Amino acid sequence: MTGFPPPRLTRLIDIVFPGDTNHHGTLFGGIGLAQMDKVAFIAAARHAPVDFVTASCERIDFDAPAHLGDIVELTGRVTRVGGRSLGVEVELIAEAPLSGARRRCGAGVFNMVAVGDGLERMGGRLPPLSPLVQPAVEEDLRMVEMVFPEKTSHYGSLYGGNALAAMGKAAFVAATRRCRKAVVMASSRRVDFEHQIQTGEVVELVPRITGTGRTSMTVEVELCAENLHSGERRTCGRGLFVMVAVDAGHRPTSILPTAA
């Protein structure tokens, strides 16, 4: 079967906030499982434009905790394809925001099954597995998220406040990785929304550092939507965010390394 692009690694990046933690101050296992399942679903739907449900999980092992404030990065890739089911391998990595130290926190395989009549329209079988595409050079940071009903407005599209929160989170991750210091949002210079994003679509955020000062960084965040059934992608918004590095007293501090 032809006509399907080679698979790409699906990456979801988030931050461990207090509402995501257990009483030990680490990422609650149920939250981690939900995020892993979400990545598996997106990876499966990007492989074939049909509806998928989770049939089972194969041995989900948690090797190390993700702590409050950590950046968590989940990656998913399709590793097995059958007639109407496929397996997605998902890995969970935690990253200390100030040191950049990364540790593998968990991994597992999610078995996804195609449902509905979409598979019949494709000839009754899922497209075969293709080699994973690896970029020749390092790409921009790309963060994906699903639009579920609780994130939508009464119009059935992504609520603007949730879109702004996602863009702000992307700006935070990009700025933190650039300077490896505590950063806060100082301002949002301009945000424009061009198109609605509907329930069930994937949101992809691409943050890029476009300017730096002594204590601040300007981050441009592009907001895109992807229809998992048609594969259509469109730019839906763009914004500029100013992030400032701060010290322990919450005062602006230089983003440059301190001279020895």
C-alpha atoms as a PDB file:
ATOM      1  CA  MET A   1       0.000   0.000   0.000  1.00  0.00           C
ATOM      2  CA  THR A   2       1.405   3.422  -0.925  1.00  0.00           C
ATOM      3  CA  GLY A   3       0.504   7.033  -0.377  1.00  0.00           C
ATOM      4  CA  PHE A   4       1.367   7.202   3.329  1.00  0.00           C
ATOM      5  CA  PRO A   5       4.337   9.264   4.525  1.00  0.00           C
ATOM      6  CA  PRO A   6       7.136   7.539   6.482  1.00  0.00           C
ATOM      7  CA  PRO A   7       6.528   7.652  10.236  1.00  0.00           C
ATOM      8  CA  ARG A   8       8.096  10.315  12.412  1.00  0.00           C
ATOM      9  CA  LEU A   9       8.743  10.225  16.113  1.00  0.00           C
ATOM     10  CA  THR A  10       5.800  11.656  18.053  1.00  0.00           C
ATOM     11  CA  ARG A  11       6.945  13.802  20.977  1.00  0.00           C
ATOM     12  CA  LEU A  12       4.854  15.213  23.816  1.00  0.00           C
ATOM     13  CA  ILE A  13       6.569  17.560  26.265  1.00  0.00           C
ATOM     14  CA  ASP A  14       5.008  18.702  29.512  1.00  0.00           C
ATOM     15  CA  ILE A  15       5.927  20.063  32.933  1.00  0.00           C
ATOM     16  CA  VAL A  16       5.219  18.331  36.253  1.00  0.00           C
ATOM     17  CA  PHE A  17       2.968  20.788  38.063  1.00  0.00           C
ATOM     18  CA  PRO A  18       1.581  20.287  41.621  1.00  0.00           C
ATOM     19  CA  GLY A  19      -1.725  18.914  40.301  1.00  0.00           C
ATOM     20  CA  ASP A  20       0.188  16.108  38.560  1.00  0.00           C
ATOM     21  CA  THR A  21       2.011  14.855  41.647  1.00  0.00           C
ATOM     22  CA  ASN A  22       1.274  12.342  44.385  1.00  0.00           C
ATOM     23  CA  HIS A  23       1.872  12.857  48.123  1.00  0.00           C
ATOM     24  CA  HIS A  24       5.593  12.127  47.562  1.00  0.00           C
ATOM     25  CA  GLY A  25       5.958  15.152  45.284  1.00  0.00           C
ATOM     26  CA  THR A  26       6.636  13.051  42.186  1.00  0.00           C
ATOM     27  CA  LEU A  27       4.616  12.475  39.031  1.00  0.00           C
ATOM     28  CA  PHE A  28       1.529  10.388  39.852  1.00  0.00           C
ATOM     29  CA  GLY A  29       1.714   7.080  37.999  1.00  0.00           C
ATOM     30  CA  GLY A  30      -1.818   7.418  36.655  1.00  0.00           C
ATOM     31  CA  ILE A  31      -0.952  10.774  35.080  1.00  0.00           C
ATOM     32  CA  GLY A  32       2.153   9.253  33.528  1.00  0.00           C
ATOM     33  CA  LEU A  33       0.127   6.360  32.100  1.00  0.00           C
ATOM     34  CA  ALA A  34      -2.474   8.737  30.662  1.00  0.00           C
ATOM     35  CA  GLN A  35       0.241  10.783  28.951  1.00  0.00           C
ATOM     36  CA  MET A  36       1.881   7.641  27.556  1.00  0.00           C
ATOM     37  CA  ASP A  37      -1.454   6.410  26.199  1.00  0.00           C
ATOM     38  CA  LYS A  38      -2.093   9.799  24.591  1.00  0.00           C
ATOM     39  CA  VAL A  39       1.252   9.661  22.773  1.00  0.00           C
ATOM     40  CA  ALA A  40       0.506   6.091  21.652  1.00  0.00           C
ATOM     41  CA  PHE A  41      -2.839   7.190  20.216  1.00  0.00           C
ATOM     42  CA  ILE A  42      -1.317  10.103  18.286  1.00  0.00           C
ATOM     43  CA  ALA A  43       1.481   7.912  16.904  1.00  0.00           C
ATOM     44  CA  ALA A  44      -1.054   5.282  15.799  1.00  0.00           C
ATOM     45  CA  ALA A  45      -3.352   7.841  14.163  1.00  0.00           C
ATOM     46  CA  ARG A  46      -0.416   9.397  12.329  1.00  0.00           C
ATOM     47  CA  HIS A  47       0.437   5.949  10.946  1.00  0.00           C
ATOM     48  CA  ALA A  48      -3.072   5.410   9.546  1.00  0.00           C
ATOM     49  CA  PRO A  49      -6.006   7.874   9.297  1.00  0.00           C
ATOM     50  CA  VAL A  50      -8.512   5.680  11.161  1.00  0.00           C
ATOM     51  CA  ASP A  51     -10.018   5.636  14.636  1.00  0.00           C
ATOM     52  CA  PHE A  52      -8.014   3.737  17.251  1.00  0.00           C
ATOM     53  CA  VAL A  53      -8.709   2.518  20.761  1.00  0.00           C
ATOM     54  CA  THR A  54      -6.269   1.105  23.309  1.00  0.00           C
ATOM     55  CA  ALA A  55      -6.621  -2.680  23.515  1.00  0.00           C
ATOM     56  CA  SER A  56      -3.859  -3.467  26.020  1.00  0.00           C
ATOM     57  CA  CYS A  57      -0.542  -2.380  27.507  1.00  0.00           C
ATOM     58  CA  GLU A  58       2.492  -4.631  27.692  1.00  0.00           C
ATOM     59  CA  ARG A  59       4.511  -4.344  30.892  1.00  0.00           C
ATOM     60  CA  ILE A  60       4.713  -0.695  31.799  1.00  0.00           C
ATOM     61  CA  ASP A  61       7.870  -0.293  33.899  1.00  0.00           C
ATOM     62  CA  PHE A  62       8.643   2.839  35.910  1.00  0.00           C
ATOM     63  CA  ASP A  63      12.374   2.986  36.595  1.00  0.00           C
ATOM     64  CA  ALA A  64      12.749   6.402  38.244  1.00  0.00           C
ATOM     65  CA  PRO A  65      10.459   9.199  39.448  1.00  0.00           C
ATOM     66  CA  ALA A  66       9.789  12.491  37.707  1.00  0.00           C
ATOM     67  CA  HIS A  67       9.902  15.283  40.265  1.00  0.00           C
ATOM     68  CA  LEU A  68       7.805  18.399  40.705  1.00  0.00           C
ATOM     69  CA  GLY A  69       9.026  21.014  38.225  1.00  0.00           C
ATOM     70  CA  ASP A  70      10.717  18.521  35.912  1.00  0.00           C
ATOM     71  CA  ILE A  71      10.229  18.705  32.161  1.00  0.00           C
ATOM     72  CA  VAL A  72       8.845  15.366  30.977  1.00  0.00           C
ATOM     73  CA  GLU A  73       9.331  14.217  27.409  1.00  0.00           C
ATOM     74  CA  LEU A  74       7.326  11.300  26.028  1.00  0.00           C
ATOM     75  CA  THR A  75       8.132   9.785  22.659  1.00  0.00           C
ATOM     76  CA  GLY A  76       6.104   7.239  20.727  1.00  0.00           C
ATOM     77  CA  ARG A  77       6.923   5.178  17.652  1.00  0.00           C
ATOM     78  CA  VAL A  78       5.056   2.398  15.888  1.00  0.00           C
ATOM     79  CA  THR A  79       7.058  -0.827  16.151  1.00  0.00           C
ATOM     80  CA  ARG A  80       4.564  -3.469  14.979  1.00  0.00           C
ATOM     81  CA  VAL A  81       1.705  -3.450  12.466  1.00  0.00           C
ATOM     82  CA  GLY A  82      -0.864  -6.197  11.904  1.00  0.00           C
ATOM     83  CA  GLY A  83      -4.033  -6.312   9.859  1.00  0.00           C
ATOM     84  CA  ARG A  84      -6.100  -4.055  12.132  1.00  0.00           C
ATOM     85  CA  SER A  85      -3.857  -3.505  15.155  1.00  0.00           C
ATOM     86  CA  LEU A  86      -0.443  -2.041  15.848  1.00  0.00           C
ATOM     87  CA  GLY A  87       1.976  -1.635  18.721  1.00  0.00           C
ATOM     88  CA  VAL A  88       3.453   1.671  19.843  1.00  0.00           C
ATOM     89  CA  GLU A  89       6.552   1.822  22.000  1.00  0.00           C
ATOM     90  CA  VAL A  90       6.447   4.779  24.380  1.00  0.00           C
ATOM     91  CA  GLU A  91       9.328   6.105  26.479  1.00  0.00           C
ATOM     92  CA  LEU A  92       9.077   8.631  29.327  1.00  0.00           C
ATOM     93  CA  ILE A  93      12.096  10.822  30.083  1.00  0.00           C
ATOM     94  CA  ALA A  94      12.400  13.388  32.881  1.00  0.00           C
ATOM     95  CA  GLU A  95      14.675  16.401  32.537  1.00  0.00           C
ATOM     96  CA  ALA A  96      15.887  18.575  35.406  1.00  0.00           C
ATOM     97  CA  PRO A  97      15.185  22.110  34.145  1.00  0.00           C
ATOM     98  CA  LEU A  98      18.259  23.797  35.653  1.00  0.00           C
ATOM     99  CA  SER A  99      20.953  21.165  35.078  1.00  0.00           C
ATOM    100  CA  GLY A 100      19.538  19.568  31.937  1.00  0.00           C
ATOM    101  CA  ALA A 101      20.201  16.119  33.409  1.00  0.00           C
ATOM    102  CA  ARG A 102      17.918  13.550  31.804  1.00  0.00           C
ATOM    103  CA  ARG A 103      16.819  10.199  33.177  1.00  0.00           C
ATOM    104  CA  ARG A 104      14.652   7.430  31.791  1.00  0.00           C
ATOM    105  CA  CYS A 105      11.595   7.126  34.001  1.00  0.00           C
ATOM    106  CA  GLY A 106       9.562   4.487  32.223  1.00  0.00           C
ATOM    107  CA  ALA A 107       8.598   2.717  29.030  1.00  0.00           C
ATOM    108  CA  GLY A 108       6.000   0.339  27.662  1.00  0.00           C
ATOM    109  CA  VAL A 109       4.198  -0.903  24.590  1.00  0.00           C
ATOM    110  CA  PHE A 110       0.579   0.052  23.866  1.00  0.00           C
ATOM    111  CA  ASN A 111      -1.475  -2.111  21.518  1.00  0.00           C
ATOM    112  CA  MET A 112      -3.945  -0.056  19.517  1.00  0.00           C
ATOM    113  CA  VAL A 113      -6.845  -1.475  17.474  1.00  0.00           C
ATOM    114  CA  ALA A 114      -8.561   0.236  14.537  1.00  0.00           C
ATOM    115  CA  VAL A 115     -12.336   0.614  14.962  1.00  0.00           C
ATOM    116  CA  GLY A 116     -15.138   1.952  12.806  1.00  0.00           C
ATOM    117  CA  ASP A 117     -15.454   1.783   9.039  1.00  0.00           C
ATOM    118  CA  GLY A 118     -12.315   3.768   8.237  1.00  0.00           C
ATOM    119  CA  LEU A 119     -10.222   0.620   7.888  1.00  0.00           C
ATOM    120  CA  GLU A 120     -12.576  -0.815   5.260  1.00  0.00           C
ATOM    121  CA  ARG A 121     -12.164   2.311   3.155  1.00  0.00           C
ATOM    122  CA  MET A 122      -8.414   1.623   3.185  1.00  0.00           C
ATOM    123  CA  GLY A 123      -8.833  -1.915   1.876  1.00  0.00           C
ATOM    124  CA  GLY A 124      -9.295  -3.678   5.207  1.00  0.00           C
ATOM    125  CA  ARG A 125      -5.665  -3.532   6.370  1.00  0.00           C
ATOM    126  CA  LEU A 126      -3.394  -1.013   8.030  1.00  0.00           C
ATOM    127  CA  PRO A 127      -0.456   0.273   5.959  1.00  0.00           C
ATOM    128  CA  PRO A 128       2.777  -1.657   6.577  1.00  0.00           C
ATOM    129  CA  LEU A 129       5.530  -0.465   8.851  1.00  0.00           C
ATOM    130  CA  SER A 130       8.094   1.820   7.229  1.00  0.00           C
ATOM    131  CA  PRO A 131      11.532   2.865   8.517  1.00  0.00           C
ATOM    132  CA  LEU A 132      11.339   5.710  11.009  1.00  0.00           C
ATOM    133  CA  VAL A 133      12.435   9.010   9.503  1.00  0.00           C
ATOM    134  CA  GLN A 134      15.338  10.619  11.343  1.00  0.00           C
ATOM    135  CA  PRO A 135      16.053  14.280  10.482  1.00  0.00           C
ATOM    136  CA  ALA A 136      19.445  15.020   8.935  1.00  0.00           C
ATOM    137  CA  VAL A 137      19.873  17.940  11.333  1.00  0.00           C
ATOM    138  CA  GLU A 138      18.315  18.737  14.689  1.00  0.00           C
ATOM    139  CA  GLU A 139      14.810  20.105  14.155  1.00  0.00           C
ATOM    140  CA  ASP A 140      13.000  22.812  16.075  1.00  0.00           C
ATOM    141  CA  LEU A 141      11.440  21.736  19.335  1.00  0.00           C
ATOM    142  CA  ARG A 142       7.982  20.364  18.534  1.00  0.00           C
ATOM    143  CA  MET A 143       5.395  19.646  21.220  1.00  0.00           C
ATOM    144  CA  VAL A 144       2.112  17.866  20.518  1.00  0.00           C
ATOM    145  CA  GLU A 145      -1.138  17.766  22.480  1.00  0.00           C
ATOM    146  CA  MET A 146      -4.651  16.437  21.900  1.00  0.00           C
ATOM    147  CA  VAL A 147      -7.741  18.622  21.945  1.00  0.00           C
ATOM    148  CA  PHE A 148     -10.217  16.828  24.196  1.00  0.00           C
ATOM    149  CA  PRO A 149     -13.735  18.170  24.947  1.00  0.00           C
ATOM    150  CA  GLU A 150     -12.764  19.634  28.338  1.00  0.00           C
ATOM    151  CA  LYS A 151     -10.340  21.972  26.553  1.00  0.00           C
ATOM    152  CA  THR A 152     -12.924  23.390  24.178  1.00  0.00           C
ATOM    153  CA  SER A 153     -15.286  26.327  24.396  1.00  0.00           C
ATOM    154  CA  HIS A 154     -19.047  26.138  23.967  1.00  0.00           C
ATOM    155  CA  TYR A 155     -18.377  26.411  20.221  1.00  0.00           C
ATOM    156  CA  GLY A 156     -16.645  23.018  20.232  1.00  0.00           C
ATOM    157  CA  SER A 157     -13.223  24.428  19.357  1.00  0.00           C
ATOM    158  CA  LEU A 158     -10.072  24.872  21.440  1.00  0.00           C
ATOM    159  CA  TYR A 159     -10.709  27.536  24.073  1.00  0.00           C
ATOM    160  CA  GLY A 160      -8.429  30.535  23.590  1.00  0.00           C
ATOM    161  CA  GLY A 161      -7.276  30.482  27.204  1.00  0.00           C
ATOM    162  CA  ASN A 162      -6.119  26.871  26.865  1.00  0.00           C
ATOM    163  CA  ALA A 163      -4.325  27.734  23.622  1.00  0.00           C
ATOM    164  CA  LEU A 164      -2.530  30.603  25.378  1.00  0.00           C
ATOM    165  CA  ALA A 165      -1.566  28.328  28.285  1.00  0.00           C
ATOM    166  CA  ALA A 166      -0.096  25.766  25.882  1.00  0.00           C
ATOM    167  CA  MET A 167       1.848  28.446  24.018  1.00  0.00           C
ATOM    168  CA  GLY A 168       3.158  29.866  27.289  1.00  0.00           C
ATOM    169  CA  LYS A 169       4.297  26.400  28.378  1.00  0.00           C
ATOM    170  CA  ALA A 170       6.127  25.913  25.087  1.00  0.00           C
ATOM    171  CA  ALA A 171       7.864  29.282  25.522  1.00  0.00           C
ATOM    172  CA  PHE A 172       8.869  28.291  29.060  1.00  0.00           C
ATOM    173  CA  VAL A 173      10.431  24.995  27.927  1.00  0.00           C
ATOM    174  CA  ALA A 174      12.367  26.645  25.090  1.00  0.00           C
ATOM    175  CA  ALA A 175      13.654  29.465  27.308  1.00  0.00           C
ATOM    176  CA  THR A 176      14.602  27.119  30.154  1.00  0.00           C
ATOM    177  CA  ARG A 177      16.551  24.868  27.813  1.00  0.00           C
ATOM    178  CA  ARG A 178      18.377  27.882  26.372  1.00  0.00           C
ATOM    179  CA  CYS A 179      19.651  29.365  29.658  1.00  0.00           C
ATOM    180  CA  ARG A 180      19.200  26.567  32.238  1.00  0.00           C
ATOM    181  CA  LYS A 181      17.938  29.029  34.831  1.00  0.00           C
ATOM    182  CA  ALA A 182      14.578  29.649  36.443  1.00  0.00           C
ATOM    183  CA  VAL A 183      12.472  31.666  34.003  1.00  0.00           C
ATOM    184  CA  VAL A 184       9.158  33.494  34.256  1.00  0.00           C
ATOM    185  CA  MET A 185       6.946  35.139  31.670  1.00  0.00           C
ATOM    186  CA  ALA A 186       7.382  38.901  31.643  1.00  0.00           C
ATOM    187  CA  SER A 187       5.012  39.770  28.818  1.00  0.00           C
ATOM    188  CA  SER A 188       3.160  38.592  25.771  1.00  0.00           C
ATOM    189  CA  ARG A 189       3.829  41.105  23.031  1.00  0.00           C
ATOM    190  CA  ARG A 190       1.308  39.847  20.512  1.00  0.00           C
ATOM    191  CA  VAL A 191      -0.767  36.724  19.868  1.00  0.00           C
ATOM    192  CA  ASP A 192      -2.834  36.229  16.722  1.00  0.00           C
ATOM    193  CA  PHE A 193      -5.283  33.369  16.158  1.00  0.00           C
ATOM    194  CA  GLU A 194      -6.111  32.660  12.519  1.00  0.00           C
ATOM    195  CA  HIS A 195      -8.195  29.463  12.555  1.00  0.00           C
ATOM    196  CA  GLN A 196     -10.196  27.371  14.998  1.00  0.00           C
ATOM    197  CA  ILE A 197      -8.887  24.029  16.258  1.00  0.00           C
ATOM    198  CA  GLN A 198     -11.561  21.365  16.572  1.00  0.00           C
ATOM    199  CA  THR A 199     -12.110  18.597  19.114  1.00  0.00           C
ATOM    200  CA  GLY A 200     -10.056  15.508  18.267  1.00  0.00           C
ATOM    201  CA  GLU A 201      -7.360  17.388  16.393  1.00  0.00           C
ATOM    202  CA  VAL A 202      -3.708  17.404  17.384  1.00  0.00           C
ATOM    203  CA  VAL A 203      -2.109  20.673  18.389  1.00  0.00           C
ATOM    204  CA  GLU A 204       1.578  21.087  17.585  1.00  0.00           C
ATOM    205  CA  LEU A 205       3.537  23.940  19.133  1.00  0.00           C
ATOM    206  CA  VAL A 206       6.890  25.067  17.743  1.00  0.00           C
ATOM    207  CA  PRO A 207       8.771  27.547  19.979  1.00  0.00           C
ATOM    208  CA  ARG A 208      11.826  29.370  18.656  1.00  0.00           C
ATOM    209  CA  ILE A 209      14.133  31.826  20.431  1.00  0.00           C
ATOM    210  CA  THR A 210      14.161  34.919  18.211  1.00  0.00           C
ATOM    211  CA  GLY A 211      16.025  37.367  20.437  1.00  0.00           C
ATOM    212  CA  THR A 212      18.050  37.548  23.642  1.00  0.00           C
ATOM    213  CA  GLY A 213      19.003  40.340  26.008  1.00  0.00           C
ATOM    214  CA  ARG A 214      21.015  40.338  29.209  1.00  0.00           C
ATOM    215  CA  THR A 215      18.241  38.777  31.301  1.00  0.00           C
ATOM    216  CA  SER A 216      15.464  38.091  28.800  1.00  0.00           C
ATOM    217  CA  MET A 217      14.624  35.947  25.795  1.00  0.00           C
ATOM    218  CA  THR A 218      11.958  36.521  23.162  1.00  0.00           C
ATOM    219  CA  VAL A 219      10.247  33.307  22.112  1.00  0.00           C
ATOM    220  CA  GLU A 220       8.071  33.039  19.036  1.00  0.00           C
ATOM    221  CA  VAL A 221       5.559  30.201  19.321  1.00  0.00           C
ATOM    222  CA  GLU A 222       3.779  28.813  16.276  1.00  0.00           C
ATOM    223  CA  LEU A 223       0.495  27.003  16.920  1.00  0.00           C
ATOM    224  CA  CYS A 224      -0.516  24.403  14.324  1.00  0.00           C
ATOM    225  CA  ALA A 225      -3.398  21.955  14.049  1.00  0.00           C
ATOM    226  CA  GLU A 226      -3.347  18.514  12.479  1.00  0.00           C
ATOM    227  CA  ASN A 227      -6.442  16.585  11.412  1.00  0.00           C
ATOM    228  CA  LEU A 228      -5.590  12.948  12.101  1.00  0.00           C
ATOM    229  CA  HIS A 229      -8.082  11.597   9.546  1.00  0.00           C
ATOM    230  CA  SER A 230      -7.100  13.728   6.568  1.00  0.00           C
ATOM    231  CA  GLY A 231      -3.502  14.509   7.549  1.00  0.00           C
ATOM    232  CA  GLU A 232      -4.216  18.189   6.827  1.00  0.00           C
ATOM    233  CA  ARG A 233      -2.015  20.627   8.743  1.00  0.00           C
ATOM    234  CA  ARG A 234      -2.607  24.361   9.113  1.00  0.00           C
ATOM    235  CA  THR A 235      -1.103  27.212  11.064  1.00  0.00           C
ATOM    236  CA  CYS A 236      -3.713  28.467  13.520  1.00  0.00           C
ATOM    237  CA  GLY A 237      -1.859  31.033  15.562  1.00  0.00           C
ATOM    238  CA  ARG A 238       1.407  32.702  16.435  1.00  0.00           C
ATOM    239  CA  GLY A 239       2.629  34.642  19.440  1.00  0.00           C
ATOM    240  CA  LEU A 240       5.646  36.414  20.925  1.00  0.00           C
ATOM    241  CA  PHE A 241       6.496  35.858  24.586  1.00  0.00           C
ATOM    242  CA  VAL A 242       9.214  37.539  26.652  1.00  0.00           C
ATOM    243  CA  MET A 243      10.731  35.215  29.251  1.00  0.00           C
ATOM    244  CA  VAL A 244      13.040  36.544  31.973  1.00  0.00           C
ATOM    245  CA  ALA A 245      15.606  34.570  33.980  1.00  0.00           C
ATOM    246  CA  VAL A 246      15.300  35.114  37.736  1.00  0.00           C
ATOM    247  CA  ASP A 247      17.411  34.270  40.795  1.00  0.00           C
ATOM    248  CA  ALA A 248      16.337  32.781  44.127  1.00  0.00           C
ATOM    249  CA  GLY A 249      14.921  36.146  45.187  1.00  0.00           C
ATOM    250  CA  HIS A 250      12.833  36.353  42.007  1.00  0.00           C
ATOM    251  CA  ARG A 251      15.006  39.196  40.666  1.00  0.00           C
ATOM    252  CA  PRO A 252      16.129  39.295  37.012  1.00  0.00           C
ATOM    253  CA  THR A 253      19.499  37.653  36.501  1.00  0.00           C
ATOM    254  CA  SER A 254      21.879  37.315  33.567  1.00  0.00           C
ATOM    255  CA  ILE A 255      21.161  34.492  31.171  1.00  0.00           C
ATOM    256  CA  LEU A 256      24.902  34.210  30.399  1.00  0.00           C
ATOM    257  CA  PRO A 257      27.118  31.783  32.354  1.00  0.00           C
ATOM    258  CA  THR A 258      28.973  33.336  35.263  1.00  0.00           C
ATOM    259  CA  ALA A 259      32.670  33.805  34.552  1.00  0.00           C
ATOM    260  CA  ALA A 260      34.975  31.576  36.606  1.00  0.00           C
END
